[in-house]
Amino acid sequence: MRWYYALALCLGLSACGGGSNQAPRNLDNACSILEQRPGYLRAFRATERKWGVPVSVQMATIYQESKFVSRARPPRRYKLGVIPMGRQSSALGYSQALDGTWADYRREAGRIGAQRTNIRDASDFMGWYMNKTVQRNGIALTDARNQYLAYHEGHTGYSRGSYRRKGWLMRVSNEVAARAYVYQQQLASCRVRR
């Protein structure tokens, strides 16, 4: 009988935690995402109130960085095509924040217990980082394209214009801006926003 309770407990716990690493369905529809994950909307609104970053900009950046997968990581590197050599970077979670940048955020924002796999912490990090982008690079919080370029390249890389030599990144930043615009239009009319 004990094994039955142990099994039931394990199944119950796995059901509670299950799906945390799964993306919502229909990532092209902001309303659908927020209907499936109401906690996302609470997190995004809290960041918008605290840091001023529009929900649509947060969502478009998270889409590009992790496709809303909580434990997203960059691909592994391989030597000779078969020998694993670790990850391409230390990026992790919704925001794909690097270890060093995340440590700076936790220290400066007083969020010592913050985790990159938690949507509330990840969106707060984005608000913190994007506000630094305003201070250092003068990019408006509503400018999804340039905010994304600075997010990807870092503040120094952006100010040096390193993105100009990366045609693929210019294309991606335009896609982020387009997605932010679409998400903004959708959010204006969906039920969860009211």
N, C-alpha and C. Protein backbone atom coordinates (compact mmCIF):
# COMPACT_ATOMS: atom_id res chain seq x y z
N MET A 1 0.82 -1.20 0.00
CA MET A 1 0.00 0.00 0.00
C MET A 1 0.87 1.27 0.00
N ARG A 2 2.05 1.21 0.65
CA ARG A 2 2.92 2.38 0.68
C ARG A 2 3.38 2.77 -0.72
N TRP A 3 3.67 1.76 -1.55
CA TRP A 3 4.12 2.06 -2.90
C TRP A 3 3.04 2.80 -3.68
N TYR A 4 1.78 2.49 -3.38
CA TYR A 4 0.66 3.15 -4.05
C TYR A 4 0.66 4.64 -3.71
N TYR A 5 0.83 4.97 -2.43
CA TYR A 5 0.86 6.38 -2.03
C TYR A 5 2.08 7.10 -2.60
N ALA A 6 3.22 6.40 -2.62
CA ALA A 6 4.44 7.00 -3.19
C ALA A 6 4.24 7.28 -4.67
N LEU A 7 3.64 6.33 -5.38
CA LEU A 7 3.38 6.51 -6.80
C LEU A 7 2.40 7.66 -7.04
N ALA A 8 1.35 7.71 -6.23
CA ALA A 8 0.36 8.79 -6.35
C ALA A 8 1.00 10.14 -6.08
N LEU A 9 1.88 10.21 -5.08
CA LEU A 9 2.57 11.46 -4.77
C LEU A 9 3.46 11.88 -5.93
N CYS A 10 4.21 10.93 -6.48
CA CYS A 10 5.09 11.25 -7.61
C CYS A 10 4.30 11.73 -8.82
N LEU A 11 3.21 11.05 -9.12
CA LEU A 11 2.37 11.46 -10.25
C LEU A 11 1.75 12.83 -10.01
N GLY A 12 1.32 13.08 -8.78
CA GLY A 12 0.74 14.37 -8.44
C GLY A 12 1.74 15.50 -8.58
N LEU A 13 2.95 15.27 -8.08
CA LEU A 13 3.98 16.30 -8.18
C LEU A 13 4.40 16.53 -9.62
N SER A 14 4.50 15.46 -10.39
CA SER A 14 4.89 15.63 -11.79
C SER A 14 3.79 16.35 -12.57
N ALA A 15 2.54 16.14 -12.20
CA ALA A 15 1.45 16.84 -12.87
C ALA A 15 1.49 18.33 -12.56
N CYS A 16 1.87 18.68 -11.32
CA CYS A 16 1.95 20.09 -10.96
C CYS A 16 3.08 20.79 -11.70
N GLY A 17 4.19 20.11 -11.82
CA GLY A 17 5.35 20.72 -12.46
C GLY A 17 5.40 20.49 -13.95
N GLY A 18 4.60 19.60 -14.45
CA GLY A 18 4.64 19.25 -15.86
C GLY A 18 4.28 20.41 -16.75
N GLY A 19 4.94 20.46 -17.88
CA GLY A 19 4.63 21.48 -18.86
C GLY A 19 5.35 22.79 -18.64
N SER A 20 6.11 22.92 -17.55
CA SER A 20 6.78 24.18 -17.29
C SER A 20 7.84 24.48 -18.34
N ASN A 21 8.31 23.44 -19.00
CA ASN A 21 9.32 23.65 -20.04
C ASN A 21 8.69 23.58 -21.43
N GLN A 22 7.39 23.60 -21.49
CA GLN A 22 6.68 23.54 -22.76
C GLN A 22 6.19 24.93 -23.15
N ALA A 23 6.35 25.25 -24.40
CA ALA A 23 5.86 26.54 -24.90
C ALA A 23 4.34 26.49 -25.03
N PRO A 24 3.69 27.62 -24.87
CA PRO A 24 2.26 27.68 -25.16
C PRO A 24 2.02 27.40 -26.64
N ARG A 25 0.80 27.02 -26.97
CA ARG A 25 0.44 26.81 -28.37
C ARG A 25 0.16 28.16 -29.03
N ASN A 26 0.27 28.21 -30.34
CA ASN A 26 -0.06 29.38 -31.14
C ASN A 26 0.69 30.63 -30.70
N LEU A 27 2.00 30.60 -30.86
CA LEU A 27 2.85 31.71 -30.43
C LEU A 27 2.69 32.97 -31.28
N ASP A 28 1.93 32.87 -32.36
CA ASP A 28 1.68 34.04 -33.19
C ASP A 28 0.51 34.87 -32.67
N ASN A 29 -0.15 34.40 -31.61
CA ASN A 29 -1.32 35.10 -31.08
C ASN A 29 -1.10 35.42 -29.60
N ALA A 30 -0.89 36.70 -29.30
CA ALA A 30 -0.63 37.13 -27.93
C ALA A 30 -1.78 36.76 -27.00
N CYS A 31 -3.00 36.89 -27.47
CA CYS A 31 -4.16 36.57 -26.63
C CYS A 31 -4.18 35.09 -26.27
N SER A 32 -3.89 34.25 -27.23
CA SER A 32 -3.85 32.81 -26.98
C SER A 32 -2.78 32.46 -25.95
N ILE A 33 -1.62 33.06 -26.08
CA ILE A 33 -0.53 32.81 -25.13
C ILE A 33 -0.97 33.17 -23.72
N LEU A 34 -1.56 34.34 -23.55
CA LEU A 34 -1.94 34.82 -22.23
C LEU A 34 -3.15 34.10 -21.66
N GLU A 35 -4.03 33.61 -22.53
CA GLU A 35 -5.15 32.80 -22.05
C GLU A 35 -4.65 31.47 -21.50
N GLN A 36 -3.64 30.90 -22.16
CA GLN A 36 -3.07 29.63 -21.70
C GLN A 36 -2.23 29.80 -20.43
N ARG A 37 -1.57 30.94 -20.31
CA ARG A 37 -0.66 31.19 -19.19
C ARG A 37 -0.99 32.53 -18.53
N PRO A 38 -2.02 32.58 -17.70
CA PRO A 38 -2.40 33.85 -17.05
C PRO A 38 -1.28 34.45 -16.20
N GLY A 39 -0.41 33.62 -15.68
CA GLY A 39 0.72 34.12 -14.90
C GLY A 39 1.65 34.99 -15.71
N TYR A 40 1.72 34.73 -17.00
CA TYR A 40 2.55 35.56 -17.87
C TYR A 40 2.04 37.00 -17.87
N LEU A 41 0.74 37.15 -18.01
CA LEU A 41 0.17 38.50 -18.07
C LEU A 41 0.44 39.25 -16.77
N ARG A 42 0.29 38.58 -15.63
CA ARG A 42 0.58 39.23 -14.35
C ARG A 42 2.05 39.69 -14.30
N ALA A 43 2.94 38.83 -14.77
CA ALA A 43 4.38 39.17 -14.78
C ALA A 43 4.66 40.34 -15.71
N PHE A 44 4.11 40.30 -16.92
CA PHE A 44 4.36 41.35 -17.90
C PHE A 44 3.79 42.69 -17.44
N ARG A 45 2.61 42.65 -16.85
CA ARG A 45 2.00 43.90 -16.36
C ARG A 45 2.83 44.48 -15.21
N ALA A 46 3.31 43.61 -14.32
CA ALA A 46 4.13 44.09 -13.20
C ALA A 46 5.39 44.77 -13.72
N THR A 47 6.01 44.19 -14.74
CA THR A 47 7.21 44.78 -15.34
C THR A 47 6.88 46.09 -16.04
N GLU A 48 5.74 46.13 -16.72
CA GLU A 48 5.33 47.36 -17.39
C GLU A 48 5.12 48.48 -16.38
N ARG A 49 4.48 48.16 -15.25
CA ARG A 49 4.25 49.17 -14.21
C ARG A 49 5.58 49.63 -13.58
N LYS A 50 6.44 48.69 -13.29
CA LYS A 50 7.70 48.99 -12.59
C LYS A 50 8.74 49.66 -13.49
N TRP A 51 8.90 49.15 -14.71
CA TRP A 51 9.99 49.58 -15.57
C TRP A 51 9.55 50.34 -16.82
N GLY A 52 8.25 50.29 -17.16
CA GLY A 52 7.76 51.02 -18.31
C GLY A 52 7.90 50.31 -19.65
N VAL A 53 8.32 49.06 -19.65
CA VAL A 53 8.50 48.32 -20.90
C VAL A 53 7.14 47.75 -21.32
N PRO A 54 6.65 48.10 -22.50
CA PRO A 54 5.34 47.60 -22.95
C PRO A 54 5.28 46.07 -22.98
N VAL A 55 4.13 45.53 -22.65
CA VAL A 55 3.93 44.08 -22.66
C VAL A 55 4.31 43.49 -24.01
N SER A 56 3.93 44.17 -25.09
CA SER A 56 4.20 43.65 -26.44
C SER A 56 5.70 43.55 -26.72
N VAL A 57 6.49 44.49 -26.22
CA VAL A 57 7.95 44.45 -26.41
C VAL A 57 8.55 43.30 -25.62
N GLN A 58 8.07 43.12 -24.39
CA GLN A 58 8.54 41.99 -23.58
C GLN A 58 8.24 40.67 -24.28
N MET A 59 7.01 40.53 -24.75
CA MET A 59 6.59 39.27 -25.36
C MET A 59 7.35 38.98 -26.64
N ALA A 60 7.57 40.01 -27.47
CA ALA A 60 8.29 39.80 -28.72
C ALA A 60 9.74 39.41 -28.46
N THR A 61 10.34 39.99 -27.44
CA THR A 61 11.73 39.65 -27.09
C THR A 61 11.81 38.24 -26.55
N ILE A 62 10.89 37.87 -25.68
CA ILE A 62 10.89 36.51 -25.13
C ILE A 62 10.62 35.50 -26.25
N TYR A 63 9.72 35.83 -27.15
CA TYR A 63 9.49 34.94 -28.28
C TYR A 63 10.80 34.67 -29.02
N GLN A 64 11.53 35.73 -29.33
CA GLN A 64 12.76 35.58 -30.10
C GLN A 64 13.84 34.84 -29.32
N GLU A 65 13.92 35.10 -28.03
CA GLU A 65 14.98 34.51 -27.23
C GLU A 65 14.74 33.05 -26.88
N SER A 66 13.51 32.70 -26.51
CA SER A 66 13.27 31.35 -25.98
C SER A 66 12.00 30.67 -26.49
N LYS A 67 11.22 31.36 -27.30
CA LYS A 67 9.92 30.84 -27.75
C LYS A 67 9.05 30.45 -26.55
N PHE A 68 9.21 31.18 -25.44
CA PHE A 68 8.43 30.97 -24.22
C PHE A 68 8.70 29.62 -23.56
N VAL A 69 9.89 29.08 -23.73
CA VAL A 69 10.29 27.83 -23.07
C VAL A 69 11.11 28.22 -21.84
N SER A 70 10.65 27.80 -20.66
CA SER A 70 11.24 28.27 -19.41
C SER A 70 12.70 27.85 -19.23
N ARG A 71 13.06 26.69 -19.69
CA ARG A 71 14.43 26.20 -19.50
C ARG A 71 15.24 26.18 -20.80
N ALA A 72 14.90 27.08 -21.70
CA ALA A 72 15.60 27.15 -22.99
C ALA A 72 17.09 27.38 -22.77
N ARG A 73 17.89 26.71 -23.58
CA ARG A 73 19.34 26.87 -23.55
C ARG A 73 19.84 26.93 -24.98
N PRO A 74 20.99 27.56 -25.19
CA PRO A 74 21.56 27.56 -26.54
C PRO A 74 22.02 26.16 -26.93
N PRO A 75 22.23 25.91 -28.20
CA PRO A 75 22.66 24.58 -28.64
C PRO A 75 24.05 24.22 -28.09
N ARG A 76 24.31 22.94 -28.06
CA ARG A 76 25.63 22.46 -27.65
C ARG A 76 26.62 22.63 -28.79
N ARG A 77 27.89 22.74 -28.43
CA ARG A 77 28.98 22.75 -29.42
C ARG A 77 29.57 21.35 -29.48
N TYR A 78 30.02 20.97 -30.66
CA TYR A 78 30.63 19.64 -30.83
C TYR A 78 31.96 19.77 -31.55
N LYS A 79 32.93 18.99 -31.10
CA LYS A 79 34.22 18.92 -31.78
C LYS A 79 34.17 17.71 -32.70
N LEU A 80 34.62 17.90 -33.90
CA LEU A 80 34.59 16.84 -34.91
C LEU A 80 33.17 16.36 -35.18
N GLY A 81 32.20 17.18 -34.81
CA GLY A 81 30.81 16.85 -35.07
C GLY A 81 30.18 15.86 -34.11
N VAL A 82 30.96 15.29 -33.19
CA VAL A 82 30.38 14.27 -32.30
C VAL A 82 30.77 14.42 -30.82
N ILE A 83 31.86 15.07 -30.52
CA ILE A 83 32.33 15.17 -29.13
C ILE A 83 31.73 16.43 -28.50
N PRO A 84 30.84 16.27 -27.49
CA PRO A 84 30.21 17.44 -26.87
C PRO A 84 31.25 18.33 -26.18
N MET A 85 31.15 19.64 -26.44
CA MET A 85 32.10 20.60 -25.89
C MET A 85 31.40 21.68 -25.05
N GLY A 86 30.21 21.41 -24.58
CA GLY A 86 29.47 22.40 -23.79
C GLY A 86 28.55 23.25 -24.65
N ARG A 87 27.91 24.19 -24.00
CA ARG A 87 26.96 25.08 -24.68
C ARG A 87 27.68 26.24 -25.36
N GLN A 88 27.00 26.85 -26.31
CA GLN A 88 27.57 28.01 -27.02
C GLN A 88 27.69 29.21 -26.10
N SER A 89 26.85 29.29 -25.08
CA SER A 89 26.94 30.37 -24.09
C SER A 89 26.25 29.90 -22.81
N SER A 90 26.30 30.75 -21.79
CA SER A 90 25.67 30.41 -20.50
C SER A 90 24.21 30.86 -20.43
N ALA A 91 23.64 31.29 -21.56
CA ALA A 91 22.25 31.78 -21.58
C ALA A 91 21.29 30.69 -21.10
N LEU A 92 20.26 31.14 -20.37
CA LEU A 92 19.28 30.20 -19.83
C LEU A 92 17.95 30.90 -19.64
N GLY A 93 16.88 30.16 -19.84
CA GLY A 93 15.55 30.61 -19.47
C GLY A 93 14.83 31.46 -20.50
N TYR A 94 13.70 31.99 -20.05
CA TYR A 94 12.85 32.80 -20.91
C TYR A 94 13.62 33.94 -21.57
N SER A 95 14.44 34.64 -20.79
CA SER A 95 15.13 35.83 -21.28
C SER A 95 16.48 35.54 -21.90
N GLN A 96 16.96 34.30 -21.77
CA GLN A 96 18.28 33.91 -22.27
C GLN A 96 19.38 34.81 -21.71
N ALA A 97 19.24 35.20 -20.47
CA ALA A 97 20.25 36.02 -19.81
C ALA A 97 21.51 35.20 -19.56
N LEU A 98 22.66 35.82 -19.77
CA LEU A 98 23.94 35.18 -19.51
C LEU A 98 24.23 35.19 -18.01
N ASP A 99 25.07 34.27 -17.57
CA ASP A 99 25.39 34.17 -16.14
C ASP A 99 25.82 35.50 -15.54
N GLY A 100 26.79 36.17 -16.17
CA GLY A 100 27.32 37.41 -15.62
C GLY A 100 26.29 38.53 -15.56
N THR A 101 25.50 38.66 -16.61
CA THR A 101 24.48 39.71 -16.65
C THR A 101 23.40 39.43 -15.62
N TRP A 102 23.04 38.15 -15.49
CA TRP A 102 22.03 37.76 -14.49
C TRP A 102 22.54 38.06 -13.08
N ALA A 103 23.81 37.78 -12.82
CA ALA A 103 24.40 38.07 -11.50
C ALA A 103 24.36 39.57 -11.23
N ASP A 104 24.66 40.39 -12.24
CA ASP A 104 24.59 41.85 -12.08
C ASP A 104 23.17 42.28 -11.74
N TYR A 105 22.20 41.73 -12.46
CA TYR A 105 20.79 42.06 -12.21
C TYR A 105 20.39 41.69 -10.78
N ARG A 106 20.71 40.47 -10.37
CA ARG A 106 20.31 40.03 -9.03
C ARG A 106 20.90 40.93 -7.96
N ARG A 107 22.14 41.34 -8.14
CA ARG A 107 22.81 42.20 -7.16
C ARG A 107 22.23 43.62 -7.19
N GLU A 108 22.18 44.22 -8.38
CA GLU A 108 21.75 45.61 -8.51
C GLU A 108 20.27 45.81 -8.21
N ALA A 109 19.44 44.86 -8.62
CA ALA A 109 18.00 44.98 -8.42
C ALA A 109 17.56 44.42 -7.07
N GLY A 110 18.50 43.86 -6.30
CA GLY A 110 18.16 43.28 -5.00
C GLY A 110 17.30 42.04 -5.12
N ARG A 111 17.45 41.30 -6.20
CA ARG A 111 16.64 40.11 -6.45
C ARG A 111 17.53 38.86 -6.36
N ILE A 112 18.16 38.65 -5.22
CA ILE A 112 19.13 37.60 -5.02
C ILE A 112 18.56 36.21 -5.34
N GLY A 113 17.31 35.97 -5.02
CA GLY A 113 16.70 34.66 -5.26
C GLY A 113 16.08 34.50 -6.64
N ALA A 114 16.21 35.50 -7.51
CA ALA A 114 15.58 35.45 -8.83
C ALA A 114 16.14 34.30 -9.66
N GLN A 115 15.25 33.68 -10.46
CA GLN A 115 15.63 32.55 -11.31
C GLN A 115 15.25 32.83 -12.75
N ARG A 116 16.14 32.50 -13.67
CA ARG A 116 15.90 32.75 -15.09
C ARG A 116 14.77 31.91 -15.65
N THR A 117 14.40 30.84 -14.98
CA THR A 117 13.32 29.96 -15.44
C THR A 117 11.96 30.39 -14.92
N ASN A 118 11.90 31.48 -14.17
CA ASN A 118 10.66 32.01 -13.62
C ASN A 118 10.24 33.21 -14.47
N ILE A 119 9.04 33.19 -15.01
CA ILE A 119 8.61 34.24 -15.93
C ILE A 119 8.60 35.61 -15.27
N ARG A 120 8.21 35.67 -14.02
CA ARG A 120 8.17 36.97 -13.33
C ARG A 120 9.59 37.55 -13.19
N ASP A 121 10.53 36.71 -12.81
CA ASP A 121 11.92 37.15 -12.68
C ASP A 121 12.52 37.50 -14.05
N ALA A 122 12.22 36.69 -15.05
CA ALA A 122 12.76 36.92 -16.39
C ALA A 122 12.24 38.23 -16.98
N SER A 123 10.95 38.52 -16.79
CA SER A 123 10.42 39.76 -17.35
C SER A 123 10.92 40.96 -16.55
N ASP A 124 11.10 40.81 -15.24
CA ASP A 124 11.66 41.89 -14.44
C ASP A 124 13.10 42.18 -14.88
N PHE A 125 13.85 41.12 -15.17
CA PHE A 125 15.21 41.28 -15.69
C PHE A 125 15.20 42.10 -16.98
N MET A 126 14.27 41.76 -17.88
CA MET A 126 14.19 42.49 -19.15
C MET A 126 13.89 43.97 -18.91
N GLY A 127 13.00 44.24 -17.96
CA GLY A 127 12.71 45.64 -17.63
C GLY A 127 13.94 46.36 -17.11
N TRP A 128 14.67 45.71 -16.23
CA TRP A 128 15.92 46.28 -15.69
C TRP A 128 16.92 46.53 -16.80
N TYR A 129 17.11 45.52 -17.66
CA TYR A 129 18.12 45.63 -18.72
C TYR A 129 17.73 46.70 -19.74
N MET A 130 16.47 46.71 -20.13
CA MET A 130 16.03 47.68 -21.14
C MET A 130 16.08 49.11 -20.61
N ASN A 131 15.89 49.29 -19.31
CA ASN A 131 16.04 50.62 -18.73
C ASN A 131 17.50 51.05 -18.73
N LYS A 132 18.41 50.13 -18.54
CA LYS A 132 19.83 50.43 -18.67
C LYS A 132 20.14 50.83 -20.12
N THR A 133 19.45 50.20 -21.06
CA THR A 133 19.64 50.53 -22.48
C THR A 133 19.20 51.96 -22.75
N VAL A 134 18.11 52.39 -22.12
CA VAL A 134 17.67 53.78 -22.26
C VAL A 134 18.76 54.70 -21.74
N GLN A 135 19.30 54.40 -20.55
CA GLN A 135 20.32 55.25 -19.93
C GLN A 135 21.61 55.29 -20.75
N ARG A 136 22.06 54.13 -21.21
CA ARG A 136 23.36 54.04 -21.87
C ARG A 136 23.33 54.33 -23.36
N ASN A 137 22.23 53.97 -24.01
CA ASN A 137 22.18 54.09 -25.47
C ASN A 137 21.06 55.00 -25.97
N GLY A 138 20.22 55.50 -25.09
CA GLY A 138 19.17 56.43 -25.48
C GLY A 138 18.07 55.82 -26.33
N ILE A 139 17.81 54.54 -26.17
CA ILE A 139 16.79 53.85 -26.98
C ILE A 139 15.47 53.82 -26.20
N ALA A 140 14.42 54.28 -26.82
CA ALA A 140 13.10 54.30 -26.17
C ALA A 140 12.64 52.89 -25.84
N LEU A 141 11.90 52.76 -24.76
CA LEU A 141 11.39 51.45 -24.34
C LEU A 141 10.40 50.88 -25.34
N THR A 142 9.81 51.73 -26.17
CA THR A 142 8.84 51.28 -27.18
C THR A 142 9.52 50.87 -28.49
N ASP A 143 10.81 51.10 -28.61
CA ASP A 143 11.56 50.78 -29.84
C ASP A 143 12.06 49.34 -29.77
N ALA A 144 11.18 48.41 -30.12
CA ALA A 144 11.49 46.98 -30.00
C ALA A 144 12.71 46.59 -30.83
N ARG A 145 12.85 47.15 -32.00
CA ARG A 145 13.96 46.79 -32.89
C ARG A 145 15.31 47.09 -32.26
N ASN A 146 15.51 48.35 -31.86
CA ASN A 146 16.80 48.74 -31.31
C ASN A 146 17.01 48.23 -29.88
N GLN A 147 15.92 48.10 -29.12
CA GLN A 147 16.06 47.48 -27.80
C GLN A 147 16.57 46.04 -27.97
N TYR A 148 16.04 45.34 -28.97
CA TYR A 148 16.49 43.96 -29.18
C TYR A 148 17.96 43.92 -29.62
N LEU A 149 18.36 44.82 -30.50
CA LEU A 149 19.76 44.86 -30.93
C LEU A 149 20.69 45.07 -29.73
N ALA A 150 20.33 45.99 -28.84
CA ALA A 150 21.15 46.24 -27.66
C ALA A 150 21.08 45.06 -26.69
N TYR A 151 19.94 44.40 -26.64
CA TYR A 151 19.77 43.22 -25.77
C TYR A 151 20.69 42.10 -26.27
N HIS A 152 20.74 41.92 -27.56
CA HIS A 152 21.54 40.84 -28.14
C HIS A 152 23.03 41.15 -28.12
N GLU A 153 23.40 42.36 -28.47
CA GLU A 153 24.81 42.74 -28.60
C GLU A 153 25.43 43.26 -27.32
N GLY A 154 24.60 43.60 -26.34
CA GLY A 154 25.10 44.25 -25.14
C GLY A 154 25.19 45.75 -25.38
N HIS A 155 25.25 46.49 -24.29
CA HIS A 155 25.25 47.95 -24.41
C HIS A 155 26.48 48.47 -25.15
N THR A 156 27.64 47.91 -24.84
CA THR A 156 28.87 48.36 -25.51
C THR A 156 28.87 47.95 -26.97
N GLY A 157 28.47 46.72 -27.26
CA GLY A 157 28.42 46.26 -28.64
C GLY A 157 27.47 47.10 -29.47
N TYR A 158 26.33 47.45 -28.88
CA TYR A 158 25.36 48.28 -29.61
C TYR A 158 25.98 49.64 -29.91
N SER A 159 26.60 50.26 -28.90
CA SER A 159 27.15 51.61 -29.11
C SER A 159 28.29 51.60 -30.13
N ARG A 160 28.98 50.47 -30.26
CA ARG A 160 30.03 50.34 -31.28
C ARG A 160 29.46 50.01 -32.65
N GLY A 161 28.19 49.64 -32.70
CA GLY A 161 27.56 49.31 -33.98
C GLY A 161 27.92 47.92 -34.50
N SER A 162 28.24 47.00 -33.59
CA SER A 162 28.64 45.64 -34.01
C SER A 162 27.55 44.94 -34.81
N TYR A 163 26.31 45.29 -34.57
CA TYR A 163 25.18 44.65 -35.26
C TYR A 163 25.15 44.98 -36.75
N ARG A 164 25.77 46.08 -37.14
CA ARG A 164 25.74 46.49 -38.55
C ARG A 164 26.43 45.49 -39.47
N ARG A 165 27.36 44.72 -38.91
CA ARG A 165 28.08 43.72 -39.71
C ARG A 165 27.38 42.36 -39.69
N LYS A 166 26.20 42.30 -39.10
CA LYS A 166 25.47 41.04 -38.96
C LYS A 166 24.11 41.17 -39.63
N GLY A 167 24.09 40.87 -40.92
CA GLY A 167 22.85 40.96 -41.67
C GLY A 167 21.73 40.12 -41.07
N TRP A 168 22.07 38.94 -40.60
CA TRP A 168 21.07 38.04 -40.00
C TRP A 168 20.44 38.67 -38.76
N LEU A 169 21.25 39.39 -37.96
CA LEU A 169 20.75 40.02 -36.75
C LEU A 169 19.86 41.22 -37.08
N MET A 170 20.22 41.95 -38.13
CA MET A 170 19.37 43.06 -38.57
C MET A 170 18.01 42.53 -38.99
N ARG A 171 18.00 41.42 -39.72
CA ARG A 171 16.74 40.79 -40.14
C ARG A 171 15.92 40.37 -38.92
N VAL A 172 16.59 39.71 -37.95
CA VAL A 172 15.90 39.23 -36.74
C VAL A 172 15.33 40.41 -35.95
N SER A 173 16.08 41.50 -35.83
CA SER A 173 15.59 42.65 -35.06
C SER A 173 14.36 43.26 -35.73
N ASN A 174 14.32 43.25 -37.06
CA ASN A 174 13.12 43.72 -37.76
C ASN A 174 11.93 42.80 -37.49
N GLU A 175 12.20 41.49 -37.40
CA GLU A 175 11.14 40.53 -37.08
C GLU A 175 10.61 40.75 -35.66
N VAL A 176 11.51 41.06 -34.72
CA VAL A 176 11.09 41.34 -33.34
C VAL A 176 10.19 42.58 -33.33
N ALA A 177 10.58 43.61 -34.06
CA ALA A 177 9.76 44.83 -34.11
C ALA A 177 8.39 44.55 -34.72
N ALA A 178 8.36 43.76 -35.79
CA ALA A 178 7.08 43.41 -36.43
C ALA A 178 6.21 42.60 -35.49
N ARG A 179 6.81 41.67 -34.78
CA ARG A 179 6.05 40.83 -33.83
C ARG A 179 5.52 41.69 -32.69
N ALA A 180 6.32 42.61 -32.18
CA ALA A 180 5.86 43.50 -31.11
C ALA A 180 4.65 44.30 -31.57
N TYR A 181 4.68 44.77 -32.81
CA TYR A 181 3.56 45.53 -33.36
C TYR A 181 2.30 44.66 -33.44
N VAL A 182 2.45 43.45 -33.96
CA VAL A 182 1.31 42.53 -34.07
C VAL A 182 0.77 42.20 -32.68
N TYR A 183 1.66 41.88 -31.75
CA TYR A 183 1.22 41.57 -30.38
C TYR A 183 0.48 42.77 -29.78
N GLN A 184 0.97 43.98 -30.01
CA GLN A 184 0.33 45.18 -29.47
C GLN A 184 -1.10 45.31 -30.01
N GLN A 185 -1.28 45.09 -31.31
CA GLN A 185 -2.61 45.15 -31.91
C GLN A 185 -3.52 44.08 -31.33
N GLN A 186 -3.01 42.87 -31.16
CA GLN A 186 -3.81 41.78 -30.59
C GLN A 186 -4.19 42.06 -29.14
N LEU A 187 -3.24 42.55 -28.36
CA LEU A 187 -3.50 42.81 -26.94
C LEU A 187 -4.57 43.88 -26.74
N ALA A 188 -4.68 44.79 -27.68
CA ALA A 188 -5.68 45.86 -27.57
C ALA A 188 -7.10 45.33 -27.66
N SER A 189 -7.26 44.13 -28.24
CA SER A 189 -8.62 43.64 -28.44
C SER A 189 -8.91 42.31 -27.76
N CYS A 190 -7.96 41.70 -27.11
CA CYS A 190 -8.28 40.38 -26.53
C CYS A 190 -8.88 40.48 -25.14
N ARG A 191 -9.62 39.45 -24.78
CA ARG A 191 -10.37 39.42 -23.51
C ARG A 191 -9.46 39.51 -22.30
N VAL A 192 -8.31 38.85 -22.33
CA VAL A 192 -7.46 38.81 -21.14
C VAL A 192 -6.90 40.17 -20.80
N ARG A 193 -6.87 41.09 -21.72
CA ARG A 193 -6.29 42.42 -21.49
C ARG A 193 -7.25 43.31 -20.70
N ARG A 194 -8.53 43.02 -20.75
CA ARG A 194 -9.53 43.88 -20.10
C ARG A 194 -9.60 43.66 -18.62
